[in-house]
Amino acid sequence: MAEHSRGAGGRRRKKFLTAEQKYELWTALVRGDATQRELADRWGVDRSVVVKVSQVAKHGALAALEASKPGKPAAACCRGQHNSCSHPREPPAQV
C-alpha cells in the first residue's frame, strides 16, 4: 500500500463512497464480477464496507418491495391521468 494512503498509526484512511459508487459496488457483487476482497481492494475500502453496503442494499430492497403494492397507485388515478378511473371526478373549477 502506498505510504500516502496511511493515516496516523499506520491505519488506512477512511474513504467515503458516494451513493452511486456504493450502487456500482453492490451490483458488481451481485453479478459475481469479483469477490468481496477484490471489490474492497479495487475501491480502496475495507472489506467491512463491502459487507455493510450489501446489507444496507438488501434491507432497502426488501423495504421497497414490501411497500410496493400491485396495481395502479391511487394518487395517479385521482389526478385524472387515466381515463379508466372508476370513481367520479370533480368538475373543473369555474374561473
PDB file of N, CA and C in Angstrom:
ATOM      1  N   MET A   1       0.840  -1.179   0.000  1.00  0.00           N
ATOM      2  CA  MET A   1       0.000   0.000   0.000  1.00  0.00           C
ATOM      3  C   MET A   1       0.879   1.233   0.000  1.00  0.00           C
ATOM      4  N   ALA A   2       0.507   2.250  -0.704  1.00  0.00           N
ATOM      5  CA  ALA A   2       1.298   3.476  -0.778  1.00  0.00           C
ATOM      6  C   ALA A   2       1.305   4.172   0.571  1.00  0.00           C
ATOM      7  N   GLU A   3       2.395   4.785   0.888  1.00  0.00           N
ATOM      8  CA  GLU A   3       2.566   5.421   2.192  1.00  0.00           C
ATOM      9  C   GLU A   3       1.580   6.578   2.392  1.00  0.00           C
ATOM     10  N   HIS A   4       1.228   7.294   1.318  1.00  0.00           N
ATOM     11  CA  HIS A   4       0.343   8.446   1.450  1.00  0.00           C
ATOM     12  C   HIS A   4      -1.098   8.061   1.779  1.00  0.00           C
ATOM     13  N   SER A   5      -1.475   6.797   1.608  1.00  0.00           N
ATOM     14  CA  SER A   5      -2.841   6.396   1.904  1.00  0.00           C
ATOM     15  C   SER A   5      -3.005   5.920   3.339  1.00  0.00           C
ATOM     16  N   ARG A   6      -1.922   5.965   4.112  1.00  0.00           N
ATOM     17  CA  ARG A   6      -1.973   5.545   5.510  1.00  0.00           C
ATOM     18  C   ARG A   6      -2.165   6.763   6.400  1.00  0.00           C
ATOM     19  N   GLY A   7      -3.012   6.624   7.395  1.00  0.00           N
ATOM     20  CA  GLY A   7      -3.233   7.696   8.350  1.00  0.00           C
ATOM     21  C   GLY A   7      -2.355   7.503   9.570  1.00  0.00           C
ATOM     22  N   ALA A   8      -2.715   8.129  10.659  1.00  0.00           N
ATOM     23  CA  ALA A   8      -1.965   8.018  11.906  1.00  0.00           C
ATOM     24  C   ALA A   8      -2.038   6.582  12.416  1.00  0.00           C
ATOM     25  N   GLY A   9      -0.962   6.090  12.942  1.00  0.00           N
ATOM     26  CA  GLY A   9      -0.932   4.749  13.490  1.00  0.00           C
ATOM     27  C   GLY A   9      -0.832   3.666  12.435  1.00  0.00           C
ATOM     28  N   GLY A  10      -0.539   4.019  11.188  1.00  0.00           N
ATOM     29  CA  GLY A  10      -0.391   3.031  10.130  1.00  0.00           C
ATOM     30  C   GLY A  10      -1.701   2.482   9.595  1.00  0.00           C
ATOM     31  N   ARG A  11      -2.800   3.055  10.001  1.00  0.00           N
ATOM     32  CA  ARG A  11      -4.105   2.584   9.526  1.00  0.00           C
ATOM     33  C   ARG A  11      -4.479   3.287   8.231  1.00  0.00           C
ATOM     34  N   ARG A  12      -5.271   2.590   7.434  1.00  0.00           N
ATOM     35  CA  ARG A  12      -5.741   3.148   6.173  1.00  0.00           C
ATOM     36  C   ARG A  12      -6.737   4.269   6.449  1.00  0.00           C
ATOM     37  N   ARG A  13      -6.621   5.369   5.737  1.00  0.00           N
ATOM     38  CA  ARG A  13      -7.570   6.469   5.881  1.00  0.00           C
ATOM     39  C   ARG A  13      -8.937   6.025   5.404  1.00  0.00           C
ATOM     40  N   LYS A  14      -9.971   6.600   6.021  1.00  0.00           N
ATOM     41  CA  LYS A  14     -11.324   6.277   5.602  1.00  0.00           C
ATOM     42  C   LYS A  14     -11.588   6.874   4.229  1.00  0.00           C
ATOM     43  N   LYS A  15     -12.190   6.070   3.383  1.00  0.00           N
ATOM     44  CA  LYS A  15     -12.596   6.558   2.076  1.00  0.00           C
ATOM     45  C   LYS A  15     -14.111   6.495   2.039  1.00  0.00           C
ATOM     46  N   PHE A  16     -14.739   7.607   1.754  1.00  0.00           N
ATOM     47  CA  PHE A  16     -16.188   7.671   1.716  1.00  0.00           C
ATOM     48  C   PHE A  16     -16.657   7.517   0.277  1.00  0.00           C
ATOM     49  N   LEU A  17     -17.563   6.584   0.064  1.00  0.00           N
ATOM     50  CA  LEU A  17     -18.116   6.340  -1.263  1.00  0.00           C
ATOM     51  C   LEU A  17     -19.437   7.072  -1.412  1.00  0.00           C
ATOM     52  N   THR A  18     -19.694   7.578  -2.607  1.00  0.00           N
ATOM     53  CA  THR A  18     -20.981   8.197  -2.888  1.00  0.00           C
ATOM     54  C   THR A  18     -22.034   7.103  -3.039  1.00  0.00           C
ATOM     55  N   ALA A  19     -23.282   7.500  -3.067  1.00  0.00           N
ATOM     56  CA  ALA A  19     -24.365   6.534  -3.243  1.00  0.00           C
ATOM     57  C   ALA A  19     -24.223   5.797  -4.577  1.00  0.00           C
ATOM     58  N   GLU A  20     -23.813   6.506  -5.608  1.00  0.00           N
ATOM     59  CA  GLU A  20     -23.630   5.887  -6.920  1.00  0.00           C
ATOM     60  C   GLU A  20     -22.501   4.860  -6.900  1.00  0.00           C
ATOM     61  N   GLN A  21     -21.421   5.191  -6.189  1.00  0.00           N
ATOM     62  CA  GLN A  21     -20.298   4.260  -6.078  1.00  0.00           C
ATOM     63  C   GLN A  21     -20.704   3.017  -5.295  1.00  0.00           C
ATOM     64  N   LYS A  22     -21.491   3.202  -4.238  1.00  0.00           N
ATOM     65  CA  LYS A  22     -21.974   2.062  -3.455  1.00  0.00           C
ATOM     66  C   LYS A  22     -22.866   1.172  -4.307  1.00  0.00           C
ATOM     67  N   TYR A  23     -23.692   1.792  -5.142  1.00  0.00           N
ATOM     68  CA  TYR A  23     -24.564   1.019  -6.016  1.00  0.00           C
ATOM     69  C   TYR A  23     -23.741   0.217  -7.025  1.00  0.00           C
ATOM     70  N   GLU A  24     -22.722   0.837  -7.598  1.00  0.00           N
ATOM     71  CA  GLU A  24     -21.839   0.140  -8.533  1.00  0.00           C
ATOM     72  C   GLU A  24     -21.133  -1.033  -7.847  1.00  0.00           C
ATOM     73  N   LEU A  25     -20.665  -0.795  -6.631  1.00  0.00           N
ATOM     74  CA  LEU A  25     -20.008  -1.847  -5.868  1.00  0.00           C
ATOM     75  C   LEU A  25     -20.979  -2.999  -5.618  1.00  0.00           C
ATOM     76  N   TRP A  26     -22.193  -2.680  -5.207  1.00  0.00           N
ATOM     77  CA  TRP A  26     -23.198  -3.698  -4.901  1.00  0.00           C
ATOM     78  C   TRP A  26     -23.593  -4.489  -6.152  1.00  0.00           C
ATOM     79  N   THR A  27     -23.790  -3.803  -7.281  1.00  0.00           N
ATOM     80  CA  THR A  27     -24.168  -4.531  -8.498  1.00  0.00           C
ATOM     81  C   THR A  27     -23.033  -5.448  -8.959  1.00  0.00           C
ATOM     82  N   ALA A  28     -21.789  -5.016  -8.801  1.00  0.00           N
ATOM     83  CA  ALA A  28     -20.658  -5.884  -9.151  1.00  0.00           C
ATOM     84  C   ALA A  28     -20.636  -7.117  -8.259  1.00  0.00           C
ATOM     85  N   LEU A  29     -20.977  -6.934  -6.999  1.00  0.00           N
ATOM     86  CA  LEU A  29     -21.018  -8.059  -6.068  1.00  0.00           C
ATOM     87  C   LEU A  29     -22.146  -9.016  -6.417  1.00  0.00           C
ATOM     88  N   VAL A  30     -23.315  -8.476  -6.744  1.00  0.00           N
ATOM     89  CA  VAL A  30     -24.476  -9.308  -7.089  1.00  0.00           C
ATOM     90  C   VAL A  30     -24.234 -10.069  -8.394  1.00  0.00           C
ATOM     91  N   ARG A  31     -23.617  -9.403  -9.370  1.00  0.00           N
ATOM     92  CA  ARG A  31     -23.333 -10.059 -10.648  1.00  0.00           C
ATOM     93  C   ARG A  31     -22.264 -11.128 -10.519  1.00  0.00           C
ATOM     94  N   GLY A  32     -21.501 -11.075  -9.455  1.00  0.00           N
ATOM     95  CA  GLY A  32     -20.424 -12.034  -9.263  1.00  0.00           C
ATOM     96  C   GLY A  32     -19.177 -11.677 -10.040  1.00  0.00           C
ATOM     97  N   ASP A  33     -19.025 -10.400 -10.355  1.00  0.00           N
ATOM     98  CA  ASP A  33     -17.843  -9.942 -11.094  1.00  0.00           C
ATOM     99  C   ASP A  33     -16.558 -10.147 -10.297  1.00  0.00           C
ATOM    100  N   ALA A  34     -16.675 -10.057  -8.963  1.00  0.00           N
ATOM    101  CA  ALA A  34     -15.490 -10.175  -8.112  1.00  0.00           C
ATOM    102  C   ALA A  34     -15.928 -10.582  -6.715  1.00  0.00           C
ATOM    103  N   THR A  35     -14.970 -11.009  -5.934  1.00  0.00           N
ATOM    104  CA  THR A  35     -15.238 -11.345  -4.539  1.00  0.00           C
ATOM    105  C   THR A  35     -15.276 -10.066  -3.703  1.00  0.00           C
ATOM    106  N   GLN A  36     -15.720 -10.209  -2.455  1.00  0.00           N
ATOM    107  CA  GLN A  36     -15.744  -9.059  -1.559  1.00  0.00           C
ATOM    108  C   GLN A  36     -14.345  -8.482  -1.382  1.00  0.00           C
ATOM    109  N   ARG A  37     -13.369  -9.347  -1.256  1.00  0.00           N
ATOM    110  CA  ARG A  37     -11.990  -8.884  -1.073  1.00  0.00           C
ATOM    111  C   ARG A  37     -11.502  -8.117  -2.305  1.00  0.00           C
ATOM    112  N   GLU A  38     -11.772  -8.665  -3.491  1.00  0.00           N
ATOM    113  CA  GLU A  38     -11.336  -7.999  -4.727  1.00  0.00           C
ATOM    114  C   GLU A  38     -12.012  -6.646  -4.885  1.00  0.00           C
ATOM    115  N   LEU A  39     -13.299  -6.574  -4.572  1.00  0.00           N
ATOM    116  CA  LEU A  39     -14.011  -5.295  -4.680  1.00  0.00           C
ATOM    117  C   LEU A  39     -13.480  -4.283  -3.667  1.00  0.00           C
ATOM    118  N   ALA A  40     -13.197  -4.742  -2.458  1.00  0.00           N
ATOM    119  CA  ALA A  40     -12.650  -3.839  -1.443  1.00  0.00           C
ATOM    120  C   ALA A  40     -11.307  -3.274  -1.904  1.00  0.00           C
ATOM    121  N   ASP A  41     -10.459  -4.130  -2.466  1.00  0.00           N
ATOM    122  CA  ASP A  41      -9.168  -3.661  -2.972  1.00  0.00           C
ATOM    123  C   ASP A  41      -9.341  -2.705  -4.146  1.00  0.00           C
ATOM    124  N   ARG A  42     -10.257  -3.040  -5.049  1.00  0.00           N
ATOM    125  CA  ARG A  42     -10.493  -2.215  -6.232  1.00  0.00           C
ATOM    126  C   ARG A  42     -10.999  -0.824  -5.860  1.00  0.00           C
ATOM    127  N   TRP A  43     -11.889  -0.745  -4.860  1.00  0.00           N
ATOM    128  CA  TRP A  43     -12.481   0.535  -4.467  1.00  0.00           C
ATOM    129  C   TRP A  43     -11.683   1.233  -3.365  1.00  0.00           C
ATOM    130  N   GLY A  44     -10.664   0.565  -2.836  1.00  0.00           N
ATOM    131  CA  GLY A  44      -9.831   1.188  -1.814  1.00  0.00           C
ATOM    132  C   GLY A  44     -10.520   1.320  -0.466  1.00  0.00           C
ATOM    133  N   VAL A  45     -11.376   0.355  -0.130  1.00  0.00           N
ATOM    134  CA  VAL A  45     -12.084   0.384   1.148  1.00  0.00           C
ATOM    135  C   VAL A  45     -11.836  -0.923   1.891  1.00  0.00           C
ATOM    136  N   ASP A  46     -12.221  -0.961   3.140  1.00  0.00           N
ATOM    137  CA  ASP A  46     -12.107  -2.165   3.944  1.00  0.00           C
ATOM    138  C   ASP A  46     -13.208  -3.152   3.538  1.00  0.00           C
ATOM    139  N   ARG A  47     -12.970  -4.431   3.758  1.00  0.00           N
ATOM    140  CA  ARG A  47     -13.968  -5.440   3.406  1.00  0.00           C
ATOM    141  C   ARG A  47     -15.269  -5.257   4.175  1.00  0.00           C
ATOM    142  N   SER A  48     -15.170  -4.713   5.392  1.00  0.00           N
ATOM    143  CA  SER A  48     -16.383  -4.478   6.178  1.00  0.00           C
ATOM    144  C   SER A  48     -17.308  -3.468   5.493  1.00  0.00           C
ATOM    145  N   VAL A  49     -16.735  -2.546   4.718  1.00  0.00           N
ATOM    146  CA  VAL A  49     -17.550  -1.582   3.969  1.00  0.00           C
ATOM    147  C   VAL A  49     -18.357  -2.310   2.889  1.00  0.00           C
ATOM    148  N   VAL A  50     -17.747  -3.264   2.220  1.00  0.00           N
ATOM    149  CA  VAL A  50     -18.442  -4.037   1.186  1.00  0.00           C
ATOM    150  C   VAL A  50     -19.577  -4.836   1.815  1.00  0.00           C
ATOM    151  N   VAL A  51     -19.326  -5.431   2.967  1.00  0.00           N
ATOM    152  CA  VAL A  51     -20.356  -6.197   3.667  1.00  0.00           C
ATOM    153  C   VAL A  51     -21.501  -5.276   4.085  1.00  0.00           C
ATOM    154  N   LYS A  52     -21.182  -4.107   4.628  1.00  0.00           N
ATOM    155  CA  LYS A  52     -22.203  -3.160   5.082  1.00  0.00           C
ATOM    156  C   LYS A  52     -23.036  -2.647   3.914  1.00  0.00           C
ATOM    157  N   VAL A  53     -22.401  -2.338   2.799  1.00  0.00           N
ATOM    158  CA  VAL A  53     -23.133  -1.885   1.608  1.00  0.00           C
ATOM    159  C   VAL A  53     -24.103  -2.970   1.156  1.00  0.00           C
ATOM    160  N   SER A  54     -23.659  -4.200   1.182  1.00  0.00           N
ATOM    161  CA  SER A  54     -24.504  -5.325   0.784  1.00  0.00           C
ATOM    162  C   SER A  54     -25.697  -5.479   1.720  1.00  0.00           C
ATOM    163  N   GLN A  55     -25.467  -5.348   3.025  1.00  0.00           N
ATOM    164  CA  GLN A  55     -26.553  -5.463   3.997  1.00  0.00           C
ATOM    165  C   GLN A  55     -27.565  -4.336   3.847  1.00  0.00           C
ATOM    166  N   VAL A  56     -27.078  -3.118   3.684  1.00  0.00           N
ATOM    167  CA  VAL A  56     -27.973  -1.964   3.537  1.00  0.00           C
ATOM    168  C   VAL A  56     -28.796  -2.089   2.257  1.00  0.00           C
ATOM    169  N   ALA A  57     -28.169  -2.543   1.178  1.00  0.00           N
ATOM    170  CA  ALA A  57     -28.882  -2.715  -0.090  1.00  0.00           C
ATOM    171  C   ALA A  57     -29.963  -3.777   0.049  1.00  0.00           C
ATOM    172  N   LYS A  58     -29.662  -4.859   0.739  1.00  0.00           N
ATOM    173  CA  LYS A  58     -30.652  -5.922   0.940  1.00  0.00           C
ATOM    174  C   LYS A  58     -31.838  -5.404   1.739  1.00  0.00           C
ATOM    175  N   HIS A  59     -31.566  -4.716   2.856  1.00  0.00           N
ATOM    176  CA  HIS A  59     -32.642  -4.192   3.684  1.00  0.00           C
ATOM    177  C   HIS A  59     -33.467  -3.142   2.945  1.00  0.00           C
ATOM    178  N   GLY A  60     -32.796  -2.292   2.175  1.00  0.00           N
ATOM    179  CA  GLY A  60     -33.513  -1.275   1.396  1.00  0.00           C
ATOM    180  C   GLY A  60     -34.383  -1.885   0.324  1.00  0.00           C
ATOM    181  N   ALA A  61     -33.869  -2.903  -0.343  1.00  0.00           N
ATOM    182  CA  ALA A  61     -34.650  -3.576  -1.387  1.00  0.00           C
ATOM    183  C   ALA A  61     -35.858  -4.281  -0.789  1.00  0.00           C
ATOM    184  N   LEU A  62     -35.662  -4.951   0.340  1.00  0.00           N
ATOM    185  CA  LEU A  62     -36.785  -5.631   0.991  1.00  0.00           C
ATOM    186  C   LEU A  62     -37.848  -4.645   1.458  1.00  0.00           C
ATOM    187  N   ALA A  63     -37.428  -3.507   1.993  1.00  0.00           N
ATOM    188  CA  ALA A  63     -38.391  -2.488   2.436  1.00  0.00           C
ATOM    189  C   ALA A  63     -39.166  -1.914   1.255  1.00  0.00           C
ATOM    190  N   ALA A  64     -38.472  -1.666   0.152  1.00  0.00           N
ATOM    191  CA  ALA A  64     -39.139  -1.125  -1.032  1.00  0.00           C
ATOM    192  C   ALA A  64     -40.120  -2.134  -1.623  1.00  0.00           C
ATOM    193  N   LEU A  65     -39.725  -3.393  -1.654  1.00  0.00           N
ATOM    194  CA  LEU A  65     -40.619  -4.427  -2.182  1.00  0.00           C
ATOM    195  C   LEU A  65     -41.823  -4.638  -1.281  1.00  0.00           C
ATOM    196  N   GLU A  66     -41.623  -4.541   0.016  1.00  0.00           N
ATOM    197  CA  GLU A  66     -42.741  -4.683   0.947  1.00  0.00           C
ATOM    198  C   GLU A  66     -43.731  -3.530   0.796  1.00  0.00           C
ATOM    199  N   ALA A  67     -43.222  -2.331   0.530  1.00  0.00           N
ATOM    200  CA  ALA A  67     -44.075  -1.150   0.400  1.00  0.00           C
ATOM    201  C   ALA A  67     -44.814  -1.103  -0.932  1.00  0.00           C
ATOM    202  N   SER A  68     -44.282  -1.784  -1.939  1.00  0.00           N
ATOM    203  CA  SER A  68     -44.926  -1.726  -3.251  1.00  0.00           C
ATOM    204  C   SER A  68     -46.138  -2.646  -3.282  1.00  0.00           C
ATOM    205  N   LYS A  69     -47.197  -2.161  -3.878  1.00  0.00           N
ATOM    206  CA  LYS A  69     -48.435  -2.923  -3.994  1.00  0.00           C
ATOM    207  C   LYS A  69     -48.765  -3.075  -5.475  1.00  0.00           C
ATOM    208  N   PRO A  70     -49.358  -4.198  -5.861  1.00  0.00           N
ATOM    209  CA  PRO A  70     -49.705  -4.374  -7.275  1.00  0.00           C
ATOM    210  C   PRO A  70     -50.841  -3.442  -7.683  1.00  0.00           C
ATOM    211  N   GLY A  71     -50.914  -3.143  -8.963  1.00  0.00           N
ATOM    212  CA  GLY A  71     -51.975  -2.294  -9.495  1.00  0.00           C
ATOM    213  C   GLY A  71     -51.545  -0.853  -9.619  1.00  0.00           C
ATOM    214  N   LYS A  72     -52.500  -0.026 -10.015  1.00  0.00           N
ATOM    215  CA  LYS A  72     -52.226   1.400 -10.187  1.00  0.00           C
ATOM    216  C   LYS A  72     -52.217   2.098  -8.852  1.00  0.00           C
ATOM    217  N   PRO A  73     -51.308   3.034  -8.659  1.00  0.00           N
ATOM    218  CA  PRO A  73     -51.333   3.805  -7.421  1.00  0.00           C
ATOM    219  C   PRO A  73     -52.561   4.709  -7.384  1.00  0.00           C
ATOM    220  N   ALA A  74     -53.179   4.859  -6.238  1.00  0.00           N
ATOM    221  CA  ALA A  74     -54.393   5.666  -6.108  1.00  0.00           C
ATOM    222  C   ALA A  74     -54.135   7.121  -6.468  1.00  0.00           C
ATOM    223  N   ALA A  75     -52.972   7.649  -6.131  1.00  0.00           N
ATOM    224  CA  ALA A  75     -52.679   9.058  -6.412  1.00  0.00           C
ATOM    225  C   ALA A  75     -52.691   9.337  -7.911  1.00  0.00           C
ATOM    226  N   ALA A  76     -52.151   8.441  -8.722  1.00  0.00           N
ATOM    227  CA  ALA A  76     -52.131   8.652 -10.170  1.00  0.00           C
ATOM    228  C   ALA A  76     -53.540   8.599 -10.729  1.00  0.00           C
ATOM    229  N   CYS A  77     -54.377   7.747 -10.182  1.00  0.00           N
ATOM    230  CA  CYS A  77     -55.751   7.615 -10.652  1.00  0.00           C
ATOM    231  C   CYS A  77     -56.534   8.876 -10.312  1.00  0.00           C
ATOM    232  N   CYS A  78     -56.365   9.386  -9.119  1.00  0.00           N
ATOM    233  CA  CYS A  78     -57.146  10.532  -8.668  1.00  0.00           C
ATOM    234  C   CYS A  78     -56.744  11.833  -9.356  1.00  0.00           C
ATOM    235  N   ARG A  79     -55.593  11.878  -9.944  1.00  0.00           N
ATOM    236  CA  ARG A  79     -55.169  13.086 -10.650  1.00  0.00           C
ATOM    237  C   ARG A  79     -55.786  13.171 -12.035  1.00  0.00           C
ATOM    238  N   GLY A  80     -56.555  12.164 -12.398  1.00  0.00           N
ATOM    239  CA  GLY A  80     -57.210  12.209 -13.705  1.00  0.00           C
ATOM    240  C   GLY A  80     -56.267  11.890 -14.847  1.00  0.00           C
ATOM    241  N   GLN A  81     -55.169  11.208 -14.579  1.00  0.00           N
ATOM    242  CA  GLN A  81     -54.224  10.894 -15.630  1.00  0.00           C
ATOM    243  C   GLN A  81     -54.712   9.744 -16.500  1.00  0.00           C
ATOM    244  N   HIS A  82     -55.638   8.957 -15.982  1.00  0.00           N
ATOM    245  CA  HIS A  82     -56.128   7.800 -16.717  1.00  0.00           C
ATOM    246  C   HIS A  82     -57.625   7.943 -16.966  1.00  0.00           C
ATOM    247  N   ASN A  83     -58.074   7.595 -18.127  1.00  0.00           N
ATOM    248  CA  ASN A  83     -59.491   7.671 -18.437  1.00  0.00           C
ATOM    249  C   ASN A  83     -60.276   6.523 -17.824  1.00  0.00           C
ATOM    250  N   SER A  84     -59.600   5.491 -17.353  1.00  0.00           N
ATOM    251  CA  SER A  84     -60.287   4.338 -16.798  1.00  0.00           C
ATOM    252  C   SER A  84     -60.516   4.470 -15.294  1.00  0.00           C
ATOM    253  N   CYS A  85     -60.516   5.677 -14.786  1.00  0.00           N
ATOM    254  CA  CYS A  85     -60.714   5.915 -13.363  1.00  0.00           C
ATOM    255  C   CYS A  85     -62.117   5.459 -12.975  1.00  0.00           C
ATOM    256  N   SER A  86     -62.246   4.665 -11.924  1.00  0.00           N
ATOM    257  CA  SER A  86     -63.531   4.069 -11.573  1.00  0.00           C
ATOM    258  C   SER A  86     -64.371   4.927 -10.653  1.00  0.00           C
ATOM    259  N   HIS A  87     -63.833   5.963 -10.060  1.00  0.00           N
ATOM    260  CA  HIS A  87     -64.653   6.803  -9.191  1.00  0.00           C
ATOM    261  C   HIS A  87     -64.915   8.149  -9.867  1.00  0.00           C
ATOM    262  N   PRO A  88     -66.019   8.803  -9.487  1.00  0.00           N
ATOM    263  CA  PRO A  88     -66.380  10.059 -10.179  1.00  0.00           C
ATOM    264  C   PRO A  88     -65.363  11.164  -9.915  1.00  0.00           C
ATOM    265  N   ARG A  89     -65.154  11.944 -10.949  1.00  0.00           N
ATOM    266  CA  ARG A  89     -64.231  13.081 -10.839  1.00  0.00           C
ATOM    267  C   ARG A  89     -65.024  14.327 -10.494  1.00  0.00           C
ATOM    268  N   GLU A  90     -64.326  15.249  -9.830  1.00  0.00           N
ATOM    269  CA  GLU A  90     -64.947  16.530  -9.540  1.00  0.00           C
ATOM    270  C   GLU A  90     -64.904  17.396 -10.807  1.00  0.00           C
ATOM    271  N   PRO A  91     -65.935  18.183 -11.031  1.00  0.00           N
ATOM    272  CA  PRO A  91     -65.902  19.056 -12.216  1.00  0.00           C
ATOM    273  C   PRO A  91     -64.808  20.099 -12.068  1.00  0.00           C
ATOM    274  N   PRO A  92     -64.273  20.598 -13.184  1.00  0.00           N
ATOM    275  CA  PRO A  92     -63.232  21.623 -13.100  1.00  0.00           C
ATOM    276  C   PRO A  92     -63.768  22.896 -12.456  1.00  0.00           C
ATOM    277  N   ALA A  93     -62.904  23.600 -11.736  1.00  0.00           N
ATOM    278  CA  ALA A  93     -63.300  24.828 -11.055  1.00  0.00           C
ATOM    279  C   ALA A  93     -63.606  25.900 -12.084  1.00  0.00           C
ATOM    280  N   GLN A  94     -64.676  26.668 -11.823  1.00  0.00           N
ATOM    281  CA  GLN A  94     -65.060  27.786 -12.699  1.00  0.00           C
ATOM    282  C   GLN A  94     -64.264  29.010 -12.329  1.00  0.00           C
ATOM    283  N   VAL A  95     -63.721  29.679 -13.332  1.00  0.00           N
ATOM    284  CA  VAL A  95     -62.899  30.860 -13.087  1.00  0.00           C
ATOM    285  C   VAL A  95     -63.669  32.096 -13.368  1.00  0.00           C
TER     286      VAL A  95
END
